[in-house]
mmCIF file of all heavy atoms, coordinates in Angstrom:
data_MODEL
# 
_entry.id   MODEL 
# 
loop_
_atom_site.group_PDB 
_atom_site.id 
_atom_site.type_symbol 
_atom_site.label_atom_id 
_atom_site.label_alt_id 
_atom_site.label_comp_id 
_atom_site.label_asym_id 
_atom_site.label_entity_id 
_atom_site.label_seq_id 
_atom_site.pdbx_PDB_ins_code 
_atom_site.Cartn_x 
_atom_site.Cartn_y 
_atom_site.Cartn_z 
_atom_site.occupancy 
_atom_site.B_iso_or_equiv 
_atom_site.pdbx_formal_charge 
_atom_site.auth_seq_id 
_atom_site.auth_comp_id 
_atom_site.auth_asym_id 
_atom_site.auth_atom_id 
_atom_site.pdbx_PDB_model_num 
ATOM 1   N N   . THR A 1 1  ? 17.557 6.686   -30.312 1.00 0.00 ? 1  THR A N   1 
ATOM 2   C CA  . THR A 1 1  ? 18.146 6.608   -31.652 1.00 0.00 ? 1  THR A CA  1 
ATOM 3   C C   . THR A 1 1  ? 17.073 6.353   -32.696 1.00 0.00 ? 1  THR A C   1 
ATOM 4   O O   . THR A 1 1  ? 17.148 6.859   -33.833 1.00 0.00 ? 1  THR A O   1 
ATOM 5   C CB  . THR A 1 1  ? 19.204 5.495   -31.713 1.00 0.00 ? 1  THR A CB  1 
ATOM 6   O OG1 . THR A 1 1  ? 20.210 5.748   -30.708 1.00 0.00 ? 1  THR A OG1 1 
ATOM 7   C CG2 . THR A 1 1  ? 19.871 5.459   -33.079 1.00 0.00 ? 1  THR A CG2 1 
ATOM 8   N N   . LEU A 1 2  ? 16.048 5.605   -32.314 1.00 0.00 ? 2  LEU A N   1 
ATOM 9   C CA  . LEU A 1 2  ? 14.939 5.333   -33.233 1.00 0.00 ? 2  LEU A CA  1 
ATOM 10  C C   . LEU A 1 2  ? 14.000 6.515   -33.373 1.00 0.00 ? 2  LEU A C   1 
ATOM 11  O O   . LEU A 1 2  ? 13.033 6.471   -34.144 1.00 0.00 ? 2  LEU A O   1 
ATOM 12  C CB  . LEU A 1 2  ? 14.152 4.096   -32.747 1.00 0.00 ? 2  LEU A CB  1 
ATOM 13  C CG  . LEU A 1 2  ? 14.890 2.746   -32.871 1.00 0.00 ? 2  LEU A CG  1 
ATOM 14  C CD1 . LEU A 1 2  ? 14.072 1.649   -32.196 1.00 0.00 ? 2  LEU A CD1 1 
ATOM 15  C CD2 . LEU A 1 2  ? 15.139 2.405   -34.337 1.00 0.00 ? 2  LEU A CD2 1 
ATOM 16  N N   . GLY A 1 3  ? 14.249 7.570   -32.601 1.00 0.00 ? 3  GLY A N   1 
ATOM 17  C CA  . GLY A 1 3  ? 13.462 8.799   -32.725 1.00 0.00 ? 3  GLY A CA  1 
ATOM 18  C C   . GLY A 1 3  ? 12.284 8.875   -31.778 1.00 0.00 ? 3  GLY A C   1 
ATOM 19  O O   . GLY A 1 3  ? 11.419 9.748   -31.940 1.00 0.00 ? 3  GLY A O   1 
ATOM 20  N N   . LEU A 1 4  ? 12.220 7.994   -30.775 1.00 0.00 ? 4  LEU A N   1 
ATOM 21  C CA  . LEU A 1 4  ? 11.118 8.032   -29.801 1.00 0.00 ? 4  LEU A CA  1 
ATOM 22  C C   . LEU A 1 4  ? 11.377 9.156   -28.808 1.00 0.00 ? 4  LEU A C   1 
ATOM 23  O O   . LEU A 1 4  ? 12.314 9.084   -28.013 1.00 0.00 ? 4  LEU A O   1 
ATOM 24  C CB  . LEU A 1 4  ? 10.986 6.687   -29.088 1.00 0.00 ? 4  LEU A CB  1 
ATOM 25  C CG  . LEU A 1 4  ? 9.738  6.493   -28.232 1.00 0.00 ? 4  LEU A CG  1 
ATOM 26  C CD1 . LEU A 1 4  ? 8.478  6.541   -29.097 1.00 0.00 ? 4  LEU A CD1 1 
ATOM 27  C CD2 . LEU A 1 4  ? 9.802  5.148   -27.495 1.00 0.00 ? 4  LEU A CD2 1 
ATOM 28  N N   . LYS A 1 5  ? 10.556 10.212  -28.850 1.00 0.00 ? 5  LYS A N   1 
ATOM 29  C CA  . LYS A 1 5  ? 10.808 11.408  -28.055 1.00 0.00 ? 5  LYS A CA  1 
ATOM 30  C C   . LYS A 1 5  ? 10.813 11.128  -26.546 1.00 0.00 ? 5  LYS A C   1 
ATOM 31  O O   . LYS A 1 5  ? 11.561 11.729  -25.808 1.00 0.00 ? 5  LYS A O   1 
ATOM 32  C CB  . LYS A 1 5  ? 9.749  12.474  -28.369 1.00 0.00 ? 5  LYS A CB  1 
ATOM 33  C CG  . LYS A 1 5  ? 9.713  12.907  -29.835 1.00 0.00 ? 5  LYS A CG  1 
ATOM 34  C CD  . LYS A 1 5  ? 11.001 13.567  -30.239 1.00 0.00 ? 5  LYS A CD  1 
ATOM 35  C CE  . LYS A 1 5  ? 10.939 14.081  -31.684 1.00 0.00 ? 5  LYS A CE  1 
ATOM 36  N NZ  . LYS A 1 5  ? 12.178 14.731  -32.084 1.00 0.00 ? 5  LYS A NZ  1 
ATOM 37  N N   . ALA A 1 6  ? 9.961  10.200  -26.104 1.00 0.00 ? 6  ALA A N   1 
ATOM 38  C CA  . ALA A 1 6  ? 9.881  9.869   -24.677 1.00 0.00 ? 6  ALA A CA  1 
ATOM 39  C C   . ALA A 1 6  ? 10.755 8.663   -24.342 1.00 0.00 ? 6  ALA A C   1 
ATOM 40  O O   . ALA A 1 6  ? 10.458 7.901   -23.433 1.00 0.00 ? 6  ALA A O   1 
ATOM 41  C CB  . ALA A 1 6  ? 8.438  9.628   -24.275 1.00 0.00 ? 6  ALA A CB  1 
ATOM 42  N N   . GLY A 1 7  ? 11.832 8.499   -25.096 1.00 0.00 ? 7  GLY A N   1 
ATOM 43  C CA  . GLY A 1 7  ? 12.687 7.333   -24.933 1.00 0.00 ? 7  GLY A CA  1 
ATOM 44  C C   . GLY A 1 7  ? 13.250 7.155   -23.548 1.00 0.00 ? 7  GLY A C   1 
ATOM 45  O O   . GLY A 1 7  ? 13.367 6.025   -23.040 1.00 0.00 ? 7  GLY A O   1 
ATOM 46  N N   . ILE A 1 8  ? 13.608 8.258   -22.887 1.00 0.00 ? 8  ILE A N   1 
ATOM 47  C CA  . ILE A 1 8  ? 14.154 8.175   -21.527 1.00 0.00 ? 8  ILE A CA  1 
ATOM 48  C C   . ILE A 1 8  ? 13.115 7.619   -20.569 1.00 0.00 ? 8  ILE A C   1 
ATOM 49  O O   . ILE A 1 8  ? 13.385 6.722   -19.763 1.00 0.00 ? 8  ILE A O   1 
ATOM 50  C CB  . ILE A 1 8  ? 14.642 9.556   -21.049 1.00 0.00 ? 8  ILE A CB  1 
ATOM 51  C CG1 . ILE A 1 8  ? 15.831 10.030  -21.893 1.00 0.00 ? 8  ILE A CG1 1 
ATOM 52  C CG2 . ILE A 1 8  ? 15.037 9.496   -19.569 1.00 0.00 ? 8  ILE A CG2 1 
ATOM 53  C CD1 . ILE A 1 8  ? 16.334 11.409  -21.541 1.00 0.00 ? 8  ILE A CD1 1 
ATOM 54  N N   . PHE A 1 9  ? 11.887 8.130   -20.663 1.00 0.00 ? 9  PHE A N   1 
ATOM 55  C CA  . PHE A 1 9  ? 10.823 7.680   -19.776 1.00 0.00 ? 9  PHE A CA  1 
ATOM 56  C C   . PHE A 1 9  ? 10.466 6.209   -20.008 1.00 0.00 ? 9  PHE A C   1 
ATOM 57  O O   . PHE A 1 9  ? 10.387 5.411   -19.077 1.00 0.00 ? 9  PHE A O   1 
ATOM 58  C CB  . PHE A 1 9  ? 9.583  8.556   -19.978 1.00 0.00 ? 9  PHE A CB  1 
ATOM 59  C CG  . PHE A 1 9  ? 8.405  8.174   -19.118 1.00 0.00 ? 9  PHE A CG  1 
ATOM 60  C CD1 . PHE A 1 9  ? 8.472  8.289   -17.751 1.00 0.00 ? 9  PHE A CD1 1 
ATOM 61  C CD2 . PHE A 1 9  ? 7.246  7.697   -19.699 1.00 0.00 ? 9  PHE A CD2 1 
ATOM 62  C CE1 . PHE A 1 9  ? 7.383  7.946   -16.935 1.00 0.00 ? 9  PHE A CE1 1 
ATOM 63  C CE2 . PHE A 1 9  ? 6.148  7.351   -18.912 1.00 0.00 ? 9  PHE A CE2 1 
ATOM 64  C CZ  . PHE A 1 9  ? 6.211  7.473   -17.532 1.00 0.00 ? 9  PHE A CZ  1 
ATOM 65  N N   . TYR A 1 10 ? 10.301 5.853   -21.286 1.00 0.00 ? 10 TYR A N   1 
ATOM 66  C CA  . TYR A 1 10 ? 9.982  4.454   -21.605 1.00 0.00 ? 10 TYR A CA  1 
ATOM 67  C C   . TYR A 1 10 ? 11.141 3.526   -21.236 1.00 0.00 ? 10 TYR A C   1 
ATOM 68  O O   . TYR A 1 10 ? 10.934 2.381   -20.839 1.00 0.00 ? 10 TYR A O   1 
ATOM 69  C CB  . TYR A 1 10 ? 9.631  4.317   -23.087 1.00 0.00 ? 10 TYR A CB  1 
ATOM 70  C CG  . TYR A 1 10 ? 8.334  4.972   -23.483 1.00 0.00 ? 10 TYR A CG  1 
ATOM 71  C CD1 . TYR A 1 10 ? 8.232  5.756   -24.634 1.00 0.00 ? 10 TYR A CD1 1 
ATOM 72  C CD2 . TYR A 1 10 ? 7.204  4.854   -22.666 1.00 0.00 ? 10 TYR A CD2 1 
ATOM 73  C CE1 . TYR A 1 10 ? 7.039  6.349   -24.985 1.00 0.00 ? 10 TYR A CE1 1 
ATOM 74  C CE2 . TYR A 1 10 ? 6.014  5.478   -23.004 1.00 0.00 ? 10 TYR A CE2 1 
ATOM 75  C CZ  . TYR A 1 10 ? 5.927  6.221   -24.157 1.00 0.00 ? 10 TYR A CZ  1 
ATOM 76  O OH  . TYR A 1 10 ? 4.745  6.834   -24.496 1.00 0.00 ? 10 TYR A OH  1 
ATOM 77  N N   . GLY A 1 11 ? 12.366 4.016   -21.365 1.00 0.00 ? 11 GLY A N   1 
ATOM 78  C CA  . GLY A 1 11 ? 13.524 3.221   -20.976 1.00 0.00 ? 11 GLY A CA  1 
ATOM 79  C C   . GLY A 1 11 ? 13.491 2.912   -19.495 1.00 0.00 ? 11 GLY A C   1 
ATOM 80  O O   . GLY A 1 11 ? 13.839 1.796   -19.060 1.00 0.00 ? 11 GLY A O   1 
ATOM 81  N N   . MET A 1 12 ? 13.096 3.911   -18.692 1.00 0.00 ? 12 MET A N   1 
ATOM 82  C CA  . MET A 1 12 ? 12.969 3.678   -17.242 1.00 0.00 ? 12 MET A CA  1 
ATOM 83  C C   . MET A 1 12 ? 11.891 2.642   -16.933 1.00 0.00 ? 12 MET A C   1 
ATOM 84  O O   . MET A 1 12 ? 12.083 1.774   -16.070 1.00 0.00 ? 12 MET A O   1 
ATOM 85  C CB  . MET A 1 12 ? 12.631 5.013   -16.554 1.00 0.00 ? 12 MET A CB  1 
ATOM 86  C CG  . MET A 1 12 ? 13.772 6.009   -16.530 1.00 0.00 ? 12 MET A CG  1 
ATOM 87  S SD  . MET A 1 12 ? 13.295 7.622   -15.837 1.00 0.00 ? 12 MET A SD  1 
ATOM 88  C CE  . MET A 1 12 ? 12.836 7.160   -14.160 1.00 0.00 ? 12 MET A CE  1 
ATOM 89  N N   . ILE A 1 13 ? 10.781 2.711   -17.640 1.00 0.00 ? 13 ILE A N   1 
ATOM 90  C CA  . ILE A 1 13 ? 9.697  1.737   -17.427 1.00 0.00 ? 13 ILE A CA  1 
ATOM 91  C C   . ILE A 1 13 ? 10.171 0.325   -17.740 1.00 0.00 ? 13 ILE A C   1 
ATOM 92  O O   . ILE A 1 13 ? 9.963  -0.613  -16.941 1.00 0.00 ? 13 ILE A O   1 
ATOM 93  C CB  . ILE A 1 13 ? 8.465  2.100   -18.283 1.00 0.00 ? 13 ILE A CB  1 
ATOM 94  C CG1 . ILE A 1 13 ? 7.845  3.415   -17.805 1.00 0.00 ? 13 ILE A CG1 1 
ATOM 95  C CG2 . ILE A 1 13 ? 7.435  0.972   -18.231 1.00 0.00 ? 13 ILE A CG2 1 
ATOM 96  C CD1 . ILE A 1 13 ? 6.689  3.897   -18.665 1.00 0.00 ? 13 ILE A CD1 1 
ATOM 97  N N   . LEU A 1 14 ? 10.835 0.153   -18.896 1.00 0.00 ? 14 LEU A N   1 
ATOM 98  C CA  . LEU A 1 14 ? 11.307 -1.158  -19.303 1.00 0.00 ? 14 LEU A CA  1 
ATOM 99  C C   . LEU A 1 14 ? 12.378 -1.694  -18.322 1.00 0.00 ? 14 LEU A C   1 
ATOM 100 O O   . LEU A 1 14 ? 12.385 -2.886  -17.986 1.00 0.00 ? 14 LEU A O   1 
ATOM 101 C CB  . LEU A 1 14 ? 11.887 -1.107  -20.706 1.00 0.00 ? 14 LEU A CB  1 
ATOM 102 C CG  . LEU A 1 14 ? 10.867 -0.898  -21.844 1.00 0.00 ? 14 LEU A CG  1 
ATOM 103 C CD1 . LEU A 1 14 ? 11.582 -0.691  -23.179 1.00 0.00 ? 14 LEU A CD1 1 
ATOM 104 C CD2 . LEU A 1 14 ? 9.919  -2.095  -21.939 1.00 0.00 ? 14 LEU A CD2 1 
ATOM 105 N N   . THR A 1 15 ? 13.236 -0.806  -17.868 1.00 0.00 ? 15 THR A N   1 
ATOM 106 C CA  . THR A 1 15 ? 14.279 -1.212  -16.903 1.00 0.00 ? 15 THR A CA  1 
ATOM 107 C C   . THR A 1 15 ? 13.664 -1.657  -15.589 1.00 0.00 ? 15 THR A C   1 
ATOM 108 O O   . THR A 1 15 ? 14.076 -2.679  -15.007 1.00 0.00 ? 15 THR A O   1 
ATOM 109 C CB  . THR A 1 15 ? 15.253 -0.054  -16.652 1.00 0.00 ? 15 THR A CB  1 
ATOM 110 O OG1 . THR A 1 15 ? 15.803 0.399   -17.897 1.00 0.00 ? 15 THR A OG1 1 
ATOM 111 C CG2 . THR A 1 15 ? 16.396 -0.485  -15.742 1.00 0.00 ? 15 THR A CG2 1 
ATOM 112 N N   . ALA A 1 16 ? 12.657 -0.913  -15.123 1.00 0.00 ? 16 ALA A N   1 
ATOM 113 C CA  . ALA A 1 16 ? 11.979 -1.292  -13.889 1.00 0.00 ? 16 ALA A CA  1 
ATOM 114 C C   . ALA A 1 16 ? 11.266 -2.643  -14.038 1.00 0.00 ? 16 ALA A C   1 
ATOM 115 O O   . ALA A 1 16 ? 11.303 -3.484  -13.131 1.00 0.00 ? 16 ALA A O   1 
ATOM 116 C CB  . ALA A 1 16 ? 10.970 -0.219  -13.493 1.00 0.00 ? 16 ALA A CB  1 
ATOM 117 N N   . ILE A 1 17 ? 10.637 -2.865  -15.169 1.00 0.00 ? 17 ILE A N   1 
ATOM 118 C CA  . ILE A 1 17 ? 9.948  -4.147  -15.427 1.00 0.00 ? 17 ILE A CA  1 
ATOM 119 C C   . ILE A 1 17 ? 10.937 -5.305  -15.414 1.00 0.00 ? 17 ILE A C   1 
ATOM 120 O O   . ILE A 1 17 ? 10.681 -6.341  -14.798 1.00 0.00 ? 17 ILE A O   1 
ATOM 121 C CB  . ILE A 1 17 ? 9.171  -4.085  -16.760 1.00 0.00 ? 17 ILE A CB  1 
ATOM 122 C CG1 . ILE A 1 17 ? 7.999  -3.116  -16.655 1.00 0.00 ? 17 ILE A CG1 1 
ATOM 123 C CG2 . ILE A 1 17 ? 8.669  -5.478  -17.160 1.00 0.00 ? 17 ILE A CG2 1 
ATOM 124 C CD1 . ILE A 1 17 ? 7.289  -2.859  -17.977 1.00 0.00 ? 17 ILE A CD1 1 
ATOM 125 N N   . VAL A 1 18 ? 12.048 -5.153  -16.111 1.00 0.00 ? 18 VAL A N   1 
ATOM 126 C CA  . VAL A 1 18 ? 13.076 -6.192  -16.138 1.00 0.00 ? 18 VAL A CA  1 
ATOM 127 C C   . VAL A 1 18 ? 13.618 -6.449  -14.743 1.00 0.00 ? 18 VAL A C   1 
ATOM 128 O O   . VAL A 1 18 ? 13.857 -7.595  -14.340 1.00 0.00 ? 18 VAL A O   1 
ATOM 129 C CB  . VAL A 1 18 ? 14.216 -5.810  -17.110 1.00 0.00 ? 18 VAL A CB  1 
ATOM 130 C CG1 . VAL A 1 18 ? 15.394 -6.754  -16.976 1.00 0.00 ? 18 VAL A CG1 1 
ATOM 131 C CG2 . VAL A 1 18 ? 13.707 -5.815  -18.531 1.00 0.00 ? 18 VAL A CG2 1 
ATOM 132 N N   . GLY A 1 19 ? 13.813 -5.355  -13.980 1.00 0.00 ? 19 GLY A N   1 
ATOM 133 C CA  . GLY A 1 19 ? 14.276 -5.496  -12.616 1.00 0.00 ? 19 GLY A CA  1 
ATOM 134 C C   . GLY A 1 19 ? 13.333 -6.299  -11.746 1.00 0.00 ? 19 GLY A C   1 
ATOM 135 O O   . GLY A 1 19 ? 13.754 -7.115  -10.918 1.00 0.00 ? 19 GLY A O   1 
ATOM 136 N N   . MET A 1 20 ? 12.019 -6.095  -11.950 1.00 0.00 ? 20 MET A N   1 
ATOM 137 C CA  . MET A 1 20 ? 11.032 -6.863  -11.202 1.00 0.00 ? 20 MET A CA  1 
ATOM 138 C C   . MET A 1 20 ? 10.982 -8.322  -11.647 1.00 0.00 ? 20 MET A C   1 
ATOM 139 O O   . MET A 1 20 ? 10.811 -9.225  -10.825 1.00 0.00 ? 20 MET A O   1 
ATOM 140 C CB  . MET A 1 20 ? 9.656  -6.199  -11.371 1.00 0.00 ? 20 MET A CB  1 
ATOM 141 C CG  . MET A 1 20 ? 9.494  -4.880  -10.632 1.00 0.00 ? 20 MET A CG  1 
ATOM 142 S SD  . MET A 1 20 ? 7.830  -4.158  -10.694 1.00 0.00 ? 20 MET A SD  1 
ATOM 143 C CE  . MET A 1 20 ? 7.889  -3.379  -12.310 1.00 0.00 ? 20 MET A CE  1 
ATOM 144 N N   . ILE A 1 21 ? 11.145 -8.549  -12.937 1.00 0.00 ? 21 ILE A N   1 
ATOM 145 C CA  . ILE A 1 21 ? 11.142 -9.920  -13.466 1.00 0.00 ? 21 ILE A CA  1 
ATOM 146 C C   . ILE A 1 21 ? 12.272 -10.742 -12.835 1.00 0.00 ? 21 ILE A C   1 
ATOM 147 O O   . ILE A 1 21 ? 12.085 -11.905 -12.482 1.00 0.00 ? 21 ILE A O   1 
ATOM 148 C CB  . ILE A 1 21 ? 11.263 -9.913  -15.005 1.00 0.00 ? 21 ILE A CB  1 
ATOM 149 C CG1 . ILE A 1 21 ? 9.994  -9.341  -15.627 1.00 0.00 ? 21 ILE A CG1 1 
ATOM 150 C CG2 . ILE A 1 21 ? 11.531 -11.315 -15.536 1.00 0.00 ? 21 ILE A CG2 1 
ATOM 151 C CD1 . ILE A 1 21 ? 10.080 -9.166  -17.154 1.00 0.00 ? 21 ILE A CD1 1 
ATOM 152 N N   . PHE A 1 22 ? 13.440 -10.143 -12.693 1.00 0.00 ? 22 PHE A N   1 
ATOM 153 C CA  . PHE A 1 22 ? 14.591 -10.863 -12.167 1.00 0.00 ? 22 PHE A CA  1 
ATOM 154 C C   . PHE A 1 22 ? 14.766 -10.696 -10.654 1.00 0.00 ? 22 PHE A C   1 
ATOM 155 O O   . PHE A 1 22 ? 15.796 -11.079 -10.083 1.00 0.00 ? 22 PHE A O   1 
ATOM 156 C CB  . PHE A 1 22 ? 15.861 -10.393 -12.873 1.00 0.00 ? 22 PHE A CB  1 
ATOM 157 C CG  . PHE A 1 22 ? 15.987 -10.900 -14.284 1.00 0.00 ? 22 PHE A CG  1 
ATOM 158 C CD1 . PHE A 1 22 ? 15.532 -10.143 -15.363 1.00 0.00 ? 22 PHE A CD1 1 
ATOM 159 C CD2 . PHE A 1 22 ? 16.519 -12.161 -14.540 1.00 0.00 ? 22 PHE A CD2 1 
ATOM 160 C CE1 . PHE A 1 22 ? 15.625 -10.612 -16.665 1.00 0.00 ? 22 PHE A CE1 1 
ATOM 161 C CE2 . PHE A 1 22 ? 16.621 -12.634 -15.854 1.00 0.00 ? 22 PHE A CE2 1 
ATOM 162 C CZ  . PHE A 1 22 ? 16.174 -11.874 -16.909 1.00 0.00 ? 22 PHE A CZ  1 
ATOM 163 N N   . GLY A 1 23 ? 13.762 -10.140 -9.993  1.00 0.00 ? 23 GLY A N   1 
ATOM 164 C CA  . GLY A 1 23 ? 13.794 -10.056 -8.541  1.00 0.00 ? 23 GLY A CA  1 
ATOM 165 C C   . GLY A 1 23 ? 14.731 -9.016  -7.964  1.00 0.00 ? 23 GLY A C   1 
ATOM 166 O O   . GLY A 1 23 ? 15.076 -9.048  -6.788  1.00 0.00 ? 23 GLY A O   1 
ATOM 167 N N   . LEU A 1 24 ? 15.129 -8.061  -8.780  1.00 0.00 ? 24 LEU A N   1 
ATOM 168 C CA  . LEU A 1 24 ? 16.014 -6.982  -8.302  1.00 0.00 ? 24 LEU A CA  1 
ATOM 169 C C   . LEU A 1 24 ? 15.253 -5.794  -7.751  1.00 0.00 ? 24 LEU A C   1 
ATOM 170 O O   . LEU A 1 24 ? 15.805 -4.964  -7.046  1.00 0.00 ? 24 LEU A O   1 
ATOM 171 C CB  . LEU A 1 24 ? 16.932 -6.532  -9.443  1.00 0.00 ? 24 LEU A CB  1 
ATOM 172 C CG  . LEU A 1 24 ? 17.820 -7.627  -10.082 1.00 0.00 ? 24 LEU A CG  1 
ATOM 173 C CD1 . LEU A 1 24 ? 18.588 -7.061  -11.268 1.00 0.00 ? 24 LEU A CD1 1 
ATOM 174 C CD2 . LEU A 1 24 ? 18.776 -8.187  -9.049  1.00 0.00 ? 24 LEU A CD2 1 
ATOM 175 N N   . ILE A 1 25 ? 13.986 -5.724  -8.123  1.00 0.00 ? 25 ILE A N   1 
ATOM 176 C CA  . ILE A 1 25 ? 13.103 -4.642  -7.673  1.00 0.00 ? 25 ILE A CA  1 
ATOM 177 C C   . ILE A 1 25 ? 11.812 -5.269  -7.155  1.00 0.00 ? 25 ILE A C   1 
ATOM 178 O O   . ILE A 1 25 ? 11.281 -6.185  -7.775  1.00 0.00 ? 25 ILE A O   1 
ATOM 179 C CB  . ILE A 1 25 ? 12.808 -3.653  -8.813  1.00 0.00 ? 25 ILE A CB  1 
ATOM 180 C CG1 . ILE A 1 25 ? 14.091 -2.960  -9.290  1.00 0.00 ? 25 ILE A CG1 1 
ATOM 181 C CG2 . ILE A 1 25 ? 11.794 -2.593  -8.380  1.00 0.00 ? 25 ILE A CG2 1 
ATOM 182 C CD1 . ILE A 1 25 ? 13.896 -2.067  -10.505 1.00 0.00 ? 25 ILE A CD1 1 
ATOM 183 N N   . ALA A 1 26 ? 11.351 -4.781  -6.015  1.00 0.00 ? 26 ALA A N   1 
ATOM 184 C CA  . ALA A 1 26 ? 10.122 -5.316  -5.428  1.00 0.00 ? 26 ALA A CA  1 
ATOM 185 C C   . ALA A 1 26 ? 8.925  -5.053  -6.333  1.00 0.00 ? 26 ALA A C   1 
ATOM 186 O O   . ALA A 1 26 ? 8.755  -3.954  -6.871  1.00 0.00 ? 26 ALA A O   1 
ATOM 187 C CB  . ALA A 1 26 ? 9.886  -4.694  -4.066  1.00 0.00 ? 26 ALA A CB  1 
ATOM 188 N N   . VAL A 1 27 ? 8.096  -6.068  -6.523  1.00 0.00 ? 27 VAL A N   1 
ATOM 189 C CA  . VAL A 1 27 ? 6.923  -5.951  -7.389  1.00 0.00 ? 27 VAL A CA  1 
ATOM 190 C C   . VAL A 1 27 ? 5.774  -5.309  -6.591  1.00 0.00 ? 27 VAL A C   1 
ATOM 191 O O   . VAL A 1 27 ? 5.456  -5.745  -5.500  1.00 0.00 ? 27 VAL A O   1 
ATOM 192 C CB  . VAL A 1 27 ? 6.460  -7.331  -7.900  1.00 0.00 ? 27 VAL A CB  1 
ATOM 193 C CG1 . VAL A 1 27 ? 5.223  -7.182  -8.789  1.00 0.00 ? 27 VAL A CG1 1 
ATOM 194 C CG2 . VAL A 1 27 ? 7.587  -8.005  -8.657  1.00 0.00 ? 27 VAL A CG2 1 
ATOM 195 N N   . PRO A 1 28 ? 5.168  -4.242  -7.138  1.00 0.00 ? 28 PRO A N   1 
ATOM 196 C CA  . PRO A 1 28 ? 4.015  -3.598  -6.448  1.00 0.00 ? 28 PRO A CA  1 
ATOM 197 C C   . PRO A 1 28 ? 2.881  -4.605  -6.263  1.00 0.00 ? 28 PRO A C   1 
ATOM 198 O O   . PRO A 1 28 ? 2.585  -5.407  -7.155  1.00 0.00 ? 28 PRO A O   1 
ATOM 199 C CB  . PRO A 1 28 ? 3.611  -2.482  -7.411  1.00 0.00 ? 28 PRO A CB  1 
ATOM 200 C CG  . PRO A 1 28 ? 4.815  -2.226  -8.234  1.00 0.00 ? 28 PRO A CG  1 
ATOM 201 C CD  . PRO A 1 28 ? 5.502  -3.545  -8.398  1.00 0.00 ? 28 PRO A CD  1 
ATOM 202 N N   . SER A 1 29 ? 2.278  -4.581  -5.078  1.00 0.00 ? 29 SER A N   1 
ATOM 203 C CA  . SER A 1 29 ? 1.183  -5.500  -4.800  1.00 0.00 ? 29 SER A CA  1 
ATOM 204 C C   . SER A 1 29 ? -0.099 -4.715  -4.512  1.00 0.00 ? 29 SER A C   1 
ATOM 205 O O   . SER A 1 29 ? -0.183 -4.019  -3.513  1.00 0.00 ? 29 SER A O   1 
ATOM 206 C CB  . SER A 1 29 ? 1.526  -6.404  -3.602  1.00 0.00 ? 29 SER A CB  1 
ATOM 207 O OG  . SER A 1 29 ? 1.843  -5.620  -2.477  1.00 0.00 ? 29 SER A OG  1 
# 
């Protein structure tokens, strides 16, 4: 909505990061 063309890709990155923060996704080691 803010006009970021790669919004879908960046949204996936942010979702994965939040998932790792809350222990829902394994953190790469």
